[in-house]
Amino acid sequence: MDAPAFFVHDGTAMDLGGVPITVLGGGVAGLAAARALALAGAAVTLIEQADAIAEVGAGLQISPNGARVLEALGLGPALEAAGMRAEAVELADEAGRPLARLAVGAARPAYRFLHRADLIGLLAEGARAAGVTLRLGERVERVAFDARGAVLVRASGAAERTPLLVGADGVRSQVRAAINGRMVPFFTRQTAWRAVVPGEPEAAPVARVWVGPGRHVVTYPLRGGALRNIVAVEERPDWAEEGWHHEDDPDRLRAAFAGFCGEVRALLGRVERVHLWGLFRHPVAKAWHAGGAAAILGDAAHPTLPFLAQGANLALEDAWVLAASLAAHATPEAALAAYQAARRDRAVRVTDAATANARNYHLRPGLRRLVAHAVLRAAGRLAPGTLLGRLDWIYGYDATAVRP
């Protein structure tokens, strides 16, 4: 298989020469990294604890920075087939009064709405096509390092050694813990509900965001309008467990947003099944690699609150830069150090911006909220491109142009 353009230096394709690499985790980060590494010439094995590579649940947004990576990995046509091209992101207050409109429809590559299961599916197919070996139903309990690489230990005590381990094993990452020690995240006092309801085929490809005191709702269409994704966030003192798979009573969701406009109440009235999860703030990992033995990426390195829709996009960026670093450097130690240097500051900036966005969405009644909403409305009328331009540092970023 031809090397991607990024893995070419001075006209010569760089090749990892069949070096064995183990990827732990079969989510967005792991599958993208597995394909990128295999395309760069590595012999990649991906280990996933689930019995199948599948993802149920909700939607996500692939902004241009993430789409550039998928295109560079040869998955652009699959992304185009699976995702809806977005036209705009519209903000309104809890009464339904418009605040701002971000016209993302002109973005290149296109900004898309995508069901998470569809993204996982196209990445898994891409990994298999690149020659990745998938090992499913295998749970790793602990990770350690020795002079010959990383050691993966299972509950039975059985151990397996790999010269290079890529930890894409999420917010409870064993690889991150082995590199940095255990860290306890803190509850943000925010809880989110996720739901998918039947959609409207004629629905405009627009993300709607209603913001109110201490809470907000985001919704957008999926799969050509056949489905509608809903994320609703409420500030509350009681703790909810981290993770996406905890069911809740839809009436609790409806009660939390009873003061919102009729359009929101009608939308939430269609919810028959909803999942609840607590939003926890994890610091960006201080160290992203253990010498040349292991590296982390995606949520394992920088769990991101969902207020800029950048979790999957950052993971895609990580995957590309990691593979490019390994292809460009003579030793794994140098490669992984370059990877961390190229990625960590950006991850910190994006995750901090996502945290700040939560505060901006949830302003309480008062002068600050009045001024903030007035500024949004004025900018939308007088300089509509200004608001979108403030996100150029995110959407305009091109991981495939980084030279680590």
Protein backbone atom coordinates (compact mmCIF):
# COMPACT_ATOMS: atom_id res chain seq x y z
CA MET A 1 0.00 0.00 0.00
CA ASP A 2 1.36 3.41 -0.94
CA ALA A 3 2.52 5.57 1.95
CA PRO A 4 0.41 8.67 2.64
CA ALA A 5 1.99 11.89 1.45
CA PHE A 6 2.88 12.91 4.99
CA PHE A 7 5.06 9.85 5.45
CA VAL A 8 7.29 10.93 2.59
CA HIS A 9 10.43 13.00 3.13
CA ASP A 10 12.58 14.39 0.31
CA GLY A 11 10.67 12.24 -2.14
CA THR A 12 11.36 8.99 -0.24
CA ALA A 13 8.63 7.07 1.54
CA MET A 14 9.48 6.51 5.19
CA ASP A 15 8.74 2.97 6.35
CA LEU A 16 8.54 1.58 9.87
CA GLY A 17 9.89 -1.66 8.43
CA GLY A 18 7.39 -4.02 9.98
CA VAL A 19 8.16 -3.01 13.57
CA PRO A 20 5.58 -4.65 15.86
CA ILE A 21 3.28 -2.16 17.61
CA THR A 22 0.38 -3.01 19.91
CA VAL A 23 -2.55 -0.62 20.20
CA LEU A 24 -4.69 -0.97 23.31
CA GLY A 25 -8.28 0.20 22.73
CA GLY A 26 -10.68 -0.02 19.80
CA GLY A 27 -12.32 3.39 19.91
CA VAL A 28 -11.76 6.38 17.61
CA ALA A 29 -8.20 7.02 18.81
CA GLY A 30 -7.09 3.39 18.71
CA LEU A 31 -8.54 2.53 15.32
CA ALA A 32 -7.24 5.72 13.70
CA ALA A 33 -3.78 5.18 15.17
CA ALA A 34 -3.79 1.54 14.08
CA ARG A 35 -4.55 2.45 10.47
CA ALA A 36 -2.04 5.31 10.42
CA LEU A 37 0.72 3.12 11.87
CA ALA A 38 -0.03 0.26 9.49
CA LEU A 39 0.05 2.62 6.52
CA ALA A 40 3.45 3.81 7.75
CA GLY A 41 4.74 0.23 7.57
CA ALA A 42 4.28 -1.11 11.11
CA ALA A 43 2.94 -4.57 11.96
CA VAL A 44 0.01 -3.48 14.12
CA THR A 45 -2.04 -5.54 16.56
CA LEU A 46 -5.06 -3.89 18.18
CA ILE A 47 -6.42 -5.31 21.45
CA GLU A 48 -9.98 -4.44 22.47
CA GLN A 49 -11.75 -5.73 25.58
CA ALA A 50 -15.19 -5.82 23.93
CA ASP A 51 -16.20 -8.87 21.94
CA ALA A 52 -16.85 -6.78 18.84
CA ILE A 53 -15.66 -3.51 17.35
CA ALA A 54 -18.90 -1.60 17.67
CA GLU A 55 -20.17 1.60 19.19
CA VAL A 56 -23.73 2.28 20.12
CA GLY A 57 -25.19 5.51 21.25
CA ALA A 58 -25.01 8.99 20.02
CA GLY A 59 -23.66 11.46 17.53
CA LEU A 60 -20.52 13.51 17.21
CA GLN A 61 -19.22 16.35 15.10
CA ILE A 62 -16.23 16.03 12.81
CA SER A 63 -14.88 19.52 12.24
CA PRO A 64 -12.41 20.34 9.44
CA ASN A 65 -9.34 19.61 11.59
CA GLY A 66 -10.53 16.05 12.14
CA ALA A 67 -11.75 15.63 8.57
CA ARG A 68 -8.27 16.51 7.24
CA VAL A 69 -6.84 13.51 9.05
CA LEU A 70 -9.55 11.15 7.79
CA GLU A 71 -8.96 12.35 4.25
CA ALA A 72 -5.20 11.91 4.59
CA LEU A 73 -5.80 8.36 5.86
CA GLY A 74 -7.72 7.61 2.68
CA LEU A 75 -11.08 7.60 4.45
CA GLY A 76 -12.51 10.78 2.95
CA PRO A 77 -15.06 9.02 0.71
CA ALA A 78 -16.24 6.87 3.63
CA LEU A 79 -16.64 9.98 5.78
CA GLU A 80 -18.60 11.72 3.04
CA ALA A 81 -20.93 8.74 2.70
CA ALA A 82 -21.50 8.35 6.44
CA GLY A 83 -21.74 11.96 7.64
CA MET A 84 -24.12 14.83 7.01
CA ARG A 85 -22.52 18.02 5.73
CA ALA A 86 -23.31 20.70 8.31
CA GLU A 87 -24.70 24.07 7.29
CA ALA A 88 -24.55 26.04 10.54
CA VAL A 89 -24.42 26.06 14.32
CA GLU A 90 -27.15 28.27 15.80
CA LEU A 91 -27.27 29.57 19.37
CA ALA A 92 -30.40 30.76 21.17
CA ASP A 93 -31.33 31.48 24.76
CA GLU A 94 -33.67 29.30 26.81
CA ALA A 95 -36.69 31.29 25.56
CA GLY A 96 -35.73 30.55 21.95
CA ARG A 97 -34.47 34.06 21.16
CA PRO A 98 -31.62 33.86 18.57
CA LEU A 99 -28.13 34.79 19.74
CA ALA A 100 -25.73 33.88 16.93
CA ARG A 101 -25.28 31.76 13.84
CA LEU A 102 -21.96 30.20 12.83
CA ALA A 103 -22.08 29.44 9.11
CA VAL A 104 -19.83 26.37 9.03
CA GLY A 105 -21.21 25.22 5.66
CA ALA A 106 -18.39 26.87 3.73
CA ALA A 107 -15.68 25.06 5.69
CA ARG A 108 -13.22 22.92 3.78
CA PRO A 109 -13.02 20.05 4.42
CA ALA A 110 -16.70 19.95 5.26
CA TYR A 111 -17.93 20.07 8.82
CA ARG A 112 -20.03 16.95 9.37
CA PHE A 113 -22.52 15.40 11.79
CA LEU A 114 -21.87 11.70 12.25
CA HIS A 115 -23.25 8.85 14.29
CA ARG A 116 -20.46 7.52 16.49
CA ALA A 117 -21.20 3.96 15.38
CA ASP A 118 -20.67 4.99 11.75
CA LEU A 119 -17.31 6.59 12.52
CA ILE A 120 -16.20 3.50 14.45
CA GLY A 121 -17.34 1.33 11.55
CA LEU A 122 -15.40 3.19 8.87
CA LEU A 123 -12.28 3.33 11.04
CA ALA A 124 -12.49 -0.39 11.82
CA GLU A 125 -12.87 -1.21 8.14
CA GLY A 126 -9.93 1.05 7.39
CA ALA A 127 -7.78 -0.66 10.02
CA ARG A 128 -8.56 -4.11 8.65
CA ALA A 129 -7.88 -2.97 5.08
CA ALA A 130 -4.46 -1.66 6.18
CA GLY A 131 -3.55 -5.07 7.60
CA VAL A 132 -4.16 -4.47 11.30
CA THR A 133 -4.71 -7.62 13.36
CA LEU A 134 -7.73 -7.17 15.64
CA ARG A 135 -7.87 -9.19 18.86
CA LEU A 136 -11.24 -8.82 20.56
CA GLY A 137 -12.56 -9.85 23.95
CA GLU A 138 -9.20 -9.43 25.70
CA ARG A 139 -9.07 -7.37 28.87
CA VAL A 140 -5.78 -5.94 30.13
CA GLU A 141 -5.74 -5.32 33.88
CA ARG A 142 -2.34 -3.70 34.27
CA VAL A 143 0.57 -2.33 32.24
CA ALA A 144 4.23 -2.27 33.27
CA PHE A 145 7.53 -1.50 31.57
CA ASP A 146 10.91 -3.20 31.49
CA ALA A 147 14.05 -2.95 29.40
CA ARG A 148 12.42 -4.77 26.47
CA GLY A 149 9.25 -2.71 26.22
CA ALA A 150 5.78 -2.83 27.72
CA VAL A 151 4.20 -5.75 29.55
CA LEU A 152 0.43 -6.27 29.40
CA VAL A 153 -0.95 -8.25 32.35
CA ARG A 154 -4.37 -9.88 32.33
CA ALA A 155 -6.60 -10.78 35.28
CA SER A 156 -5.40 -14.38 35.06
CA GLY A 157 -1.84 -13.21 35.60
CA ALA A 158 -0.85 -14.07 32.04
CA ALA A 159 1.55 -11.50 30.62
CA GLU A 160 2.45 -10.41 27.10
CA ARG A 161 5.34 -8.21 26.05
CA THR A 162 5.35 -5.73 23.19
CA PRO A 163 8.29 -3.53 22.15
CA LEU A 164 5.97 -0.54 21.61
CA LEU A 165 2.54 0.02 23.15
CA VAL A 166 0.05 2.69 22.11
CA GLY A 167 -2.49 3.42 24.84
CA ALA A 168 -5.83 4.41 23.37
CA ASP A 169 -7.72 2.96 26.32
CA GLY A 170 -9.82 5.93 27.33
CA VAL A 171 -10.35 7.95 30.48
CA ARG A 172 -9.52 4.99 32.75
CA SER A 173 -6.35 4.27 30.80
CA GLN A 174 -4.05 1.61 32.21
CA VAL A 175 -1.25 2.94 30.03
CA ARG A 176 -1.61 6.50 31.30
CA ALA A 177 -1.59 5.19 34.87
CA ALA A 178 1.59 3.21 34.22
CA ILE A 179 3.31 6.29 32.81
CA ASN A 180 2.00 8.99 35.16
CA GLY A 181 0.61 7.17 38.18
CA ARG A 182 -3.05 7.17 39.15
CA MET A 183 -4.77 10.54 39.09
CA VAL A 184 -8.19 11.29 40.59
CA PRO A 185 -10.38 13.51 38.39
CA PHE A 186 -12.78 15.98 39.96
CA PHE A 187 -16.50 16.22 39.36
CA THR A 188 -17.35 19.44 37.50
CA ARG A 189 -20.80 19.56 39.12
CA GLN A 190 -22.24 19.07 35.66
CA THR A 191 -24.22 16.09 34.46
CA ALA A 192 -25.14 15.31 30.86
CA TRP A 193 -27.90 13.31 29.24
CA ARG A 194 -27.53 11.73 25.79
CA ALA A 195 -30.39 10.52 23.65
CA VAL A 196 -31.15 9.74 20.03
CA VAL A 197 -34.72 10.08 18.76
CA PRO A 198 -36.34 9.55 15.35
CA GLY A 199 -35.60 12.51 13.15
CA GLU A 200 -37.18 14.49 10.36
CA PRO A 201 -35.85 13.70 6.85
CA GLU A 202 -36.49 17.31 5.82
CA ALA A 203 -34.55 18.74 8.76
CA ALA A 204 -31.91 21.33 7.96
CA PRO A 205 -28.32 20.19 8.64
CA VAL A 206 -27.98 22.61 11.54
CA ALA A 207 -26.81 22.15 15.12
CA ARG A 208 -29.04 24.06 17.53
CA VAL A 209 -27.79 25.13 20.97
CA TRP A 210 -30.14 26.58 23.59
CA VAL A 211 -28.32 28.12 26.55
CA GLY A 212 -29.81 28.93 29.92
CA PRO A 213 -28.83 29.51 33.54
CA GLY A 214 -26.85 26.50 34.64
CA ARG A 215 -27.83 24.32 31.68
CA HIS A 216 -27.98 23.96 27.92
CA VAL A 217 -29.25 21.64 25.17
CA VAL A 218 -27.54 20.71 21.88
CA THR A 219 -29.25 18.88 19.04
CA TYR A 220 -28.45 18.05 15.43
CA PRO A 221 -29.59 15.56 12.78
CA LEU A 222 -27.85 12.29 11.93
CA ARG A 223 -27.98 9.85 9.02
CA GLY A 224 -29.64 12.20 6.57
CA GLY A 225 -32.17 13.34 9.14
CA ALA A 226 -33.41 9.86 10.04
CA LEU A 227 -32.20 10.43 13.62
CA ARG A 228 -31.74 13.42 15.90
CA ASN A 229 -28.96 13.57 18.46
CA ILE A 230 -29.60 15.27 21.81
CA VAL A 231 -27.11 16.27 24.50
CA ALA A 232 -28.43 18.14 27.53
CA VAL A 233 -26.19 19.39 30.34
CA GLU A 234 -27.25 20.57 33.79
CA GLU A 235 -25.19 21.95 36.66
CA ARG A 236 -26.10 20.02 39.80
CA PRO A 237 -24.38 19.21 43.08
CA ASP A 238 -25.19 15.50 43.16
CA TRP A 239 -22.66 13.19 41.64
CA ALA A 240 -23.29 10.99 38.61
CA GLU A 241 -20.86 8.28 37.57
CA GLU A 242 -18.48 8.94 34.71
CA GLY A 243 -19.25 7.01 31.54
CA TRP A 244 -21.89 6.96 28.82
CA HIS A 245 -23.89 3.86 29.59
CA HIS A 246 -25.94 4.69 32.71
CA GLU A 247 -29.65 4.80 31.95
CA ASP A 248 -31.89 7.42 33.50
CA ASP A 249 -35.59 8.26 33.58
CA PRO A 250 -36.49 10.55 30.63
CA ASP A 251 -38.85 12.45 32.94
CA ARG A 252 -35.85 13.64 34.96
CA LEU A 253 -34.42 15.12 31.79
CA ARG A 254 -37.69 16.80 30.93
CA ALA A 255 -38.06 18.22 34.44
CA ALA A 256 -34.57 19.74 34.29
CA PHE A 257 -35.50 21.74 31.18
CA ALA A 258 -39.15 22.48 31.93
CA GLY A 259 -38.37 26.22 31.85
CA PHE A 260 -37.02 26.17 28.31
CA CYS A 261 -38.96 27.15 25.19
CA GLY A 262 -41.67 25.00 23.62
CA GLU A 263 -39.38 23.73 20.88
CA VAL A 264 -37.00 22.25 23.44
CA ARG A 265 -39.80 20.80 25.54
CA ALA A 266 -41.34 19.19 22.46
CA LEU A 267 -37.99 17.71 21.45
CA LEU A 268 -37.36 16.26 24.90
CA GLY A 269 -40.90 14.97 24.98
CA ARG A 270 -39.94 12.51 22.22
CA VAL A 271 -37.18 10.92 24.30
CA GLU A 272 -38.02 7.35 25.30
CA ARG A 273 -34.57 6.21 26.42
CA VAL A 274 -31.78 8.36 27.80
CA HIS A 275 -28.32 7.84 29.24
CA LEU A 276 -26.80 9.98 31.96
CA TRP A 277 -23.18 10.61 32.79
CA GLY A 278 -21.20 12.86 35.08
CA LEU A 279 -18.68 15.25 33.56
CA PHE A 280 -15.30 14.97 35.23
CA ARG A 281 -12.27 17.17 34.61
CA HIS A 282 -9.09 15.22 34.04
CA PRO A 283 -5.84 17.15 33.65
CA VAL A 284 -3.96 16.69 30.43
CA ALA A 285 -1.35 14.03 31.13
CA LYS A 286 2.03 15.44 32.09
CA ALA A 287 3.91 12.67 30.27
CA TRP A 288 2.58 11.17 27.05
CA HIS A 289 5.23 8.50 26.67
CA ALA A 290 7.49 6.16 28.62
CA GLY A 291 10.83 6.39 26.85
CA GLY A 292 10.40 4.46 23.62
CA ALA A 293 8.17 1.77 25.15
CA ALA A 294 4.73 3.39 25.13
CA ALA A 295 2.66 6.42 24.20
CA ILE A 296 -0.87 7.57 24.93
CA LEU A 297 -3.37 9.47 22.83
CA GLY A 298 -7.00 10.55 22.74
CA ASP A 299 -8.91 10.42 26.02
CA ALA A 300 -6.04 8.52 27.63
CA ALA A 301 -3.89 11.64 27.22
CA HIS A 302 -6.42 14.48 27.39
CA PRO A 303 -10.05 13.71 28.28
CA THR A 304 -12.04 16.64 26.95
CA LEU A 305 -15.34 18.07 28.15
CA PRO A 306 -17.92 18.04 25.33
CA PHE A 307 -18.40 21.79 24.97
CA LEU A 308 -16.43 22.33 21.75
CA ALA A 309 -17.14 18.93 20.12
CA GLN A 310 -13.41 18.25 19.87
CA GLY A 311 -12.84 14.92 21.62
CA ALA A 312 -12.88 12.76 18.48
CA ASN A 313 -11.13 15.43 16.44
CA LEU A 314 -8.22 15.71 18.85
CA ALA A 315 -7.91 11.92 18.86
CA LEU A 316 -7.65 11.88 15.07
CA GLU A 317 -4.97 14.57 15.17
CA ASP A 318 -3.02 12.59 17.76
CA ALA A 319 -3.17 9.42 15.68
CA TRP A 320 -1.69 11.08 12.61
CA VAL A 321 1.10 12.92 14.43
CA LEU A 322 2.06 9.80 16.40
CA ALA A 323 2.46 7.72 13.23
CA ALA A 324 4.29 10.54 11.48
CA SER A 325 6.69 10.95 14.40
CA LEU A 326 7.55 7.25 14.47
CA ALA A 327 8.10 7.26 10.71
CA ALA A 328 10.31 10.36 10.80
CA HIS A 329 12.71 9.55 13.67
CA ALA A 330 15.48 7.02 13.98
CA THR A 331 14.57 5.81 17.47
CA PRO A 332 11.26 5.32 19.29
CA GLU A 333 12.49 7.50 22.15
CA ALA A 334 13.11 10.45 19.83
CA ALA A 335 9.87 9.84 17.97
CA LEU A 336 7.67 9.74 21.04
CA ALA A 337 9.32 12.80 22.57
CA ALA A 338 8.66 14.67 19.30
CA TYR A 339 5.06 13.46 19.33
CA GLN A 340 4.45 14.83 22.82
CA ALA A 341 6.15 18.12 21.96
CA ALA A 342 3.95 18.51 18.88
CA ARG A 343 0.66 17.68 20.61
CA ARG A 344 0.55 18.53 24.30
CA ASP A 345 0.29 22.34 24.17
CA ARG A 346 -2.54 22.15 21.64
CA ALA A 347 -4.40 19.59 23.74
CA VAL A 348 -4.11 21.84 26.80
CA ARG A 349 -5.42 24.84 24.86
CA VAL A 350 -8.39 22.99 23.40
CA THR A 351 -9.41 21.30 26.65
CA ASP A 352 -9.16 24.61 28.52
CA ALA A 353 -11.31 26.28 25.85
CA ALA A 354 -13.93 23.54 26.18
CA THR A 355 -14.08 24.11 29.94
CA ALA A 356 -14.49 27.86 29.41
CA ASN A 357 -17.28 27.26 26.92
CA ALA A 358 -19.31 25.50 29.60
CA ARG A 359 -19.15 28.65 31.74
CA ASN A 360 -20.19 30.82 28.80
CA TYR A 361 -23.20 28.62 28.05
CA HIS A 362 -24.48 28.60 31.64
CA LEU A 363 -24.40 32.28 32.62
CA ARG A 364 -26.84 33.23 35.37
CA PRO A 365 -29.23 36.17 35.06
CA GLY A 366 -27.43 39.44 35.60
CA LEU A 367 -25.28 42.06 33.93
CA ARG A 368 -22.64 39.64 32.68
CA ARG A 369 -25.21 37.52 30.87
CA LEU A 370 -26.96 40.58 29.40
CA VAL A 371 -23.68 41.94 28.05
CA ALA A 372 -22.50 38.57 26.70
CA HIS A 373 -25.76 37.93 24.86
CA ALA A 374 -25.86 41.48 23.50
CA VAL A 375 -22.33 41.08 22.13
CA LEU A 376 -23.29 37.81 20.43
CA ARG A 377 -26.35 39.37 18.79
CA ALA A 378 -24.40 42.44 17.65
CA ALA A 379 -21.59 40.35 16.21
CA GLY A 380 -24.10 38.19 14.38
CA ARG A 381 -25.69 41.24 12.77
CA LEU A 382 -22.64 43.37 12.06
CA ALA A 383 -19.80 40.90 11.52
CA PRO A 384 -21.20 37.37 11.23
CA GLY A 385 -17.83 35.95 10.20
CA THR A 386 -16.14 37.20 13.35
CA LEU A 387 -17.56 34.53 15.66
CA LEU A 388 -16.57 31.71 13.36
CA GLY A 389 -13.16 33.31 12.85
CA ARG A 390 -12.52 33.02 16.59
CA LEU A 391 -12.45 29.25 16.05
CA ASP A 392 -9.95 29.30 13.19
CA TRP A 393 -7.22 28.13 15.56
CA ILE A 394 -9.22 24.94 16.08
CA TYR A 395 -10.84 24.27 12.71
CA GLY A 396 -7.95 25.58 10.62
CA TYR A 397 -5.36 23.36 12.28
CA ASP A 398 -3.84 20.77 9.95
CA ALA A 399 -2.20 17.86 11.75
CA THR A 400 -1.08 16.43 8.43
CA ALA A 401 1.14 19.49 7.89
CA VAL A 402 2.98 19.09 11.21
CA ARG A 403 6.60 18.01 10.92
CA PRO A 404 7.39 16.44 14.30
